[in-house]
Protein backbone atom coordinates (compact mmCIF):
# COMPACT_ATOMS: atom_id res chain seq x y z
CA MET A 1 140.66 -98.68 -64.91
CA ASN A 2 141.76 -95.64 -62.93
CA ASN A 3 141.79 -95.85 -59.01
CA ILE A 4 140.86 -92.46 -57.58
CA VAL A 5 141.36 -91.74 -53.89
CA ASN A 6 139.73 -88.55 -52.64
CA ASN A 7 141.60 -86.87 -49.64
CA THR A 8 139.87 -84.53 -47.36
CA THR A 9 141.76 -82.55 -44.75
CA THR A 10 140.23 -80.67 -41.74
CA ALA A 11 142.04 -78.42 -39.28
CA ASN A 12 141.12 -77.27 -35.81
CA VAL A 13 142.87 -74.54 -33.84
CA ILE A 14 142.62 -74.04 -30.10
CA ASN A 15 144.47 -71.09 -28.39
CA THR A 16 145.13 -71.44 -24.79
CA SER A 17 148.11 -70.89 -22.48
CA ASP A 18 151.72 -71.92 -23.10
CA ILE A 19 153.40 -75.21 -22.46
CA ALA A 20 157.10 -75.71 -21.73
CA THR A 21 157.75 -78.32 -24.27
CA ASN A 22 156.11 -78.65 -27.70
CA ARG A 23 154.92 -82.03 -28.97
CA ASN A 24 154.38 -83.21 -32.66
CA ILE A 25 152.41 -86.46 -33.02
CA VAL A 26 151.32 -88.32 -36.03
CA LEU A 27 148.60 -90.97 -35.93
CA CYS A 28 147.98 -93.25 -38.93
CA GLY A 29 146.08 -96.29 -39.96
CA VAL A 30 143.15 -97.21 -42.10
CA GLY A 31 139.42 -96.35 -42.00
CA GLY A 32 137.48 -97.93 -39.33
CA GLN A 33 140.36 -98.34 -36.75
CA GLY A 34 139.46 -95.34 -34.63
CA THR A 35 142.44 -93.30 -35.69
CA VAL A 36 140.64 -89.88 -35.65
CA LEU A 37 138.83 -90.68 -32.40
CA ALA A 38 142.30 -91.19 -30.75
CA SER A 39 143.52 -87.83 -32.20
CA LYS A 40 140.46 -86.04 -30.79
CA LEU A 41 140.88 -87.59 -27.38
CA LEU A 42 144.50 -86.48 -27.24
CA ALA A 43 143.43 -82.95 -28.28
CA ALA A 44 140.82 -83.00 -25.55
CA ALA A 45 143.36 -84.03 -22.99
CA ALA A 46 145.47 -81.15 -24.03
CA MET A 47 142.69 -78.73 -23.87
CA SER A 48 141.76 -79.88 -20.39
CA LYS A 49 145.30 -78.90 -19.20
CA ASP A 50 145.12 -75.47 -21.08
CA ILE A 51 147.76 -76.69 -23.58
CA PRO A 52 147.52 -74.93 -26.99
CA VAL A 53 146.81 -77.66 -29.67
CA MET A 54 146.36 -77.78 -33.36
CA SER A 55 145.11 -80.77 -35.38
CA ALA A 56 144.57 -81.89 -39.01
CA GLU A 57 143.09 -85.02 -40.23
CA THR A 58 143.55 -86.38 -43.79
CA ILE A 59 141.22 -89.36 -44.90
CA GLY A 60 141.88 -91.20 -48.22
CA MET A 61 138.67 -92.94 -49.06
CA ALA A 62 135.96 -92.40 -46.41
CA GLN A 63 135.18 -96.11 -46.31
CA ARG A 64 137.09 -98.80 -44.30
CA GLY A 65 140.52 -99.51 -45.77
CA GLY A 66 141.42 -96.23 -46.93
CA SER A 67 144.40 -94.43 -45.49
CA VAL A 68 143.79 -92.21 -42.47
CA PHE A 69 146.31 -89.94 -40.59
CA SER A 70 146.24 -87.24 -38.22
CA HIS A 71 148.80 -84.41 -37.28
CA LEU A 72 148.49 -83.21 -33.73
CA ARG A 73 150.79 -80.42 -32.54
CA MET A 74 150.80 -79.20 -28.83
CA GLY A 75 152.64 -76.34 -27.37
CA LYS A 76 153.41 -72.58 -27.83
CA ASN A 77 154.00 -70.62 -31.12
CA LEU A 78 152.05 -73.02 -33.36
CA TYR A 79 151.35 -71.48 -36.74
CA SER A 80 150.20 -74.51 -38.69
CA PRO A 81 148.54 -77.81 -37.83
CA MET A 82 150.69 -79.75 -40.39
CA ILE A 83 153.93 -81.50 -39.04
CA LYS A 84 157.09 -80.85 -41.04
CA THR A 85 159.02 -83.98 -42.20
CA GLY A 86 161.63 -84.99 -39.50
CA THR A 87 159.98 -83.23 -36.58
CA ALA A 88 157.49 -85.84 -35.12
CA ASP A 89 158.22 -86.72 -31.62
CA LEU A 90 155.91 -89.81 -31.72
CA ILE A 91 154.04 -91.80 -34.43
CA ILE A 92 151.12 -93.95 -33.20
CA GLY A 93 150.60 -96.62 -35.92
CA PHE A 94 147.42 -98.41 -36.04
CA GLU A 95 148.71 -100.58 -39.07
CA PRO A 96 152.37 -101.32 -39.87
CA GLY A 97 152.30 -100.40 -43.58
CA GLU A 98 150.73 -97.08 -42.95
CA THR A 99 153.41 -96.56 -40.27
CA VAL A 100 156.24 -97.22 -42.58
CA ARG A 101 154.62 -94.53 -44.92
CA MET A 102 154.74 -91.87 -42.20
CA LEU A 103 158.31 -92.48 -41.14
CA PRO A 104 159.66 -89.57 -42.93
CA TYR A 105 157.84 -87.39 -40.39
CA LEU A 106 159.73 -88.96 -37.38
CA LYS A 107 162.61 -86.97 -35.94
CA GLU A 108 165.96 -88.42 -34.95
CA HIS A 109 165.48 -90.48 -31.79
CA GLY A 110 161.65 -90.13 -32.01
CA GLN A 111 159.42 -92.93 -30.75
CA VAL A 112 157.04 -95.13 -32.70
CA VAL A 113 154.23 -97.21 -31.20
CA VAL A 114 152.74 -99.76 -33.74
CA SER A 115 150.12 -102.52 -33.82
CA THR A 116 151.63 -105.55 -35.46
CA HIS A 117 148.46 -106.54 -37.07
CA ALA A 118 148.39 -105.84 -40.98
CA ILE A 119 145.21 -104.75 -42.93
CA LYS A 120 145.52 -105.14 -46.60
CA PRO A 121 145.27 -101.66 -48.15
CA VAL A 122 142.62 -100.85 -50.75
CA THR A 123 145.34 -100.43 -53.54
CA ALA A 124 146.72 -103.88 -52.77
CA THR A 125 143.16 -105.34 -52.87
CA LEU A 126 142.36 -103.70 -56.09
CA SER A 127 145.61 -104.79 -57.81
CA GLY A 128 145.50 -108.26 -56.41
CA SER A 129 149.00 -107.87 -54.97
CA SER A 130 150.14 -109.56 -51.66
CA TYR A 131 150.61 -107.70 -48.43
CA ASP A 132 152.02 -109.04 -45.17
CA ALA A 133 153.04 -107.50 -41.90
CA PRO A 134 156.51 -109.11 -41.21
CA PRO A 135 158.41 -107.27 -44.05
CA MET A 136 156.92 -103.92 -42.65
CA ILE A 137 157.75 -104.84 -39.12
CA ASP A 138 161.30 -105.79 -40.10
CA TYR A 139 161.70 -102.38 -41.89
CA LEU A 140 160.58 -100.58 -38.81
CA LYS A 141 162.93 -102.52 -36.58
CA LYS A 142 165.75 -101.63 -38.96
CA HIS A 143 164.98 -97.84 -39.27
CA VAL A 144 163.47 -96.86 -35.90
CA GLU A 145 165.62 -96.50 -32.96
CA ASN A 146 162.85 -96.36 -30.32
CA LEU A 147 160.14 -98.79 -31.43
CA THR A 148 157.24 -100.26 -29.35
CA LEU A 149 155.51 -103.18 -30.99
CA ILE A 150 151.97 -103.99 -29.68
CA ASP A 151 150.20 -107.20 -30.58
CA ALA A 152 146.92 -105.13 -30.40
CA ASP A 153 144.90 -107.53 -32.37
CA THR A 154 145.33 -110.26 -29.74
CA ILE A 155 144.71 -107.74 -26.92
CA CYS A 156 141.47 -106.61 -28.51
CA ARG A 157 140.21 -110.21 -29.00
CA GLU A 158 140.92 -110.88 -25.24
CA ILE A 159 138.95 -107.72 -24.26
CA GLY A 160 136.22 -108.73 -26.75
CA SER A 161 136.12 -105.95 -29.27
CA GLN A 162 138.31 -104.68 -32.01
CA LYS A 163 136.77 -101.15 -31.48
CA VAL A 164 139.11 -100.61 -28.43
CA LEU A 165 142.25 -100.75 -30.69
CA ASN A 166 142.72 -96.97 -30.32
CA MET A 167 142.61 -97.16 -26.50
CA VAL A 168 145.17 -100.03 -26.44
CA LEU A 169 147.64 -97.88 -28.53
CA LEU A 170 146.91 -94.70 -26.60
CA GLY A 171 147.72 -96.65 -23.38
CA ALA A 172 150.99 -97.82 -24.96
CA ALA A 173 151.80 -94.26 -26.13
CA ILE A 174 151.17 -92.71 -22.66
CA ARG A 175 153.71 -95.27 -21.18
CA THR A 176 156.48 -93.91 -23.62
CA GLY A 177 156.68 -90.90 -21.64
CA VAL A 178 156.52 -88.60 -24.86
CA LEU A 179 153.06 -87.36 -24.04
CA ASP A 180 152.39 -84.94 -21.23
CA PHE A 181 149.41 -86.97 -19.99
CA SER A 182 148.64 -89.65 -17.47
CA LEU A 183 146.39 -92.56 -18.03
CA GLU A 184 143.90 -91.05 -15.59
CA GLU A 185 143.83 -87.85 -17.71
CA ILE A 186 143.02 -89.77 -20.87
CA GLU A 187 140.37 -91.83 -19.02
CA GLU A 188 138.66 -88.61 -17.90
CA VAL A 189 138.24 -87.33 -21.55
CA MET A 190 137.39 -90.68 -22.86
CA LYS A 191 134.38 -90.80 -20.29
CA LYS A 192 133.24 -87.35 -21.46
CA THR A 193 133.45 -88.33 -25.15
CA LEU A 194 131.99 -91.95 -25.25
CA PRO A 195 128.65 -93.26 -24.10
CA GLU A 196 128.70 -94.81 -20.75
CA LYS A 197 128.11 -98.38 -21.99
CA PHE A 198 131.50 -98.19 -23.70
CA HIS A 199 133.54 -97.05 -20.87
CA GLU A 200 134.33 -100.44 -19.05
CA MET A 201 135.94 -102.01 -22.19
CA ASN A 202 137.73 -98.89 -23.17
CA LEU A 203 139.22 -98.48 -19.60
CA LYS A 204 140.40 -102.04 -19.76
CA ALA A 205 141.99 -101.43 -23.11
CA LEU A 206 143.81 -98.32 -22.06
CA ARG A 207 145.27 -99.90 -18.97
CA TYR A 208 146.19 -103.29 -20.73
CA ALA A 209 149.27 -102.27 -22.88
């Protein structure tokens, strides 16, 4: 039996004014975790500050459980939304196994922010193979110099919704200092993007990490 994964990639280009320092950011996870929304919020925050931004999303299997990753580039002289291997300033990992897969993109001394909660990928489910977070976390600890581990699953349970995972990780990413945004700037774009009934729990998640 053949397992077929259809990948779709979309790219968006916004030309605005220059920024002093370019940033390359990779966001990765599985379907249903809010990875693409997190990327769109960061892009919106960049646009609100007149920072040039290019983005691309690749989705393997549209359903929950399929791999999802986004490339987000901010700064001047951008000619492609795709990040070259070894040039990402930051990887925001929604799932440890997917984060390990994205490590080739990380530059030397780059930062990784990752949720420690593992989600069994579709390929492992179909093959019946085992999958656990600890080996992935150990690998990240061994190979990433600047690593921030977030027990995001516990935080989401305390807040009352797994849907705020992306805001928990964005809050942690902001605190690394790699991104040129404040928590308040992310809060503003979140309020403009999401319905008002979701504002309170997302604000709590953003400020929690």
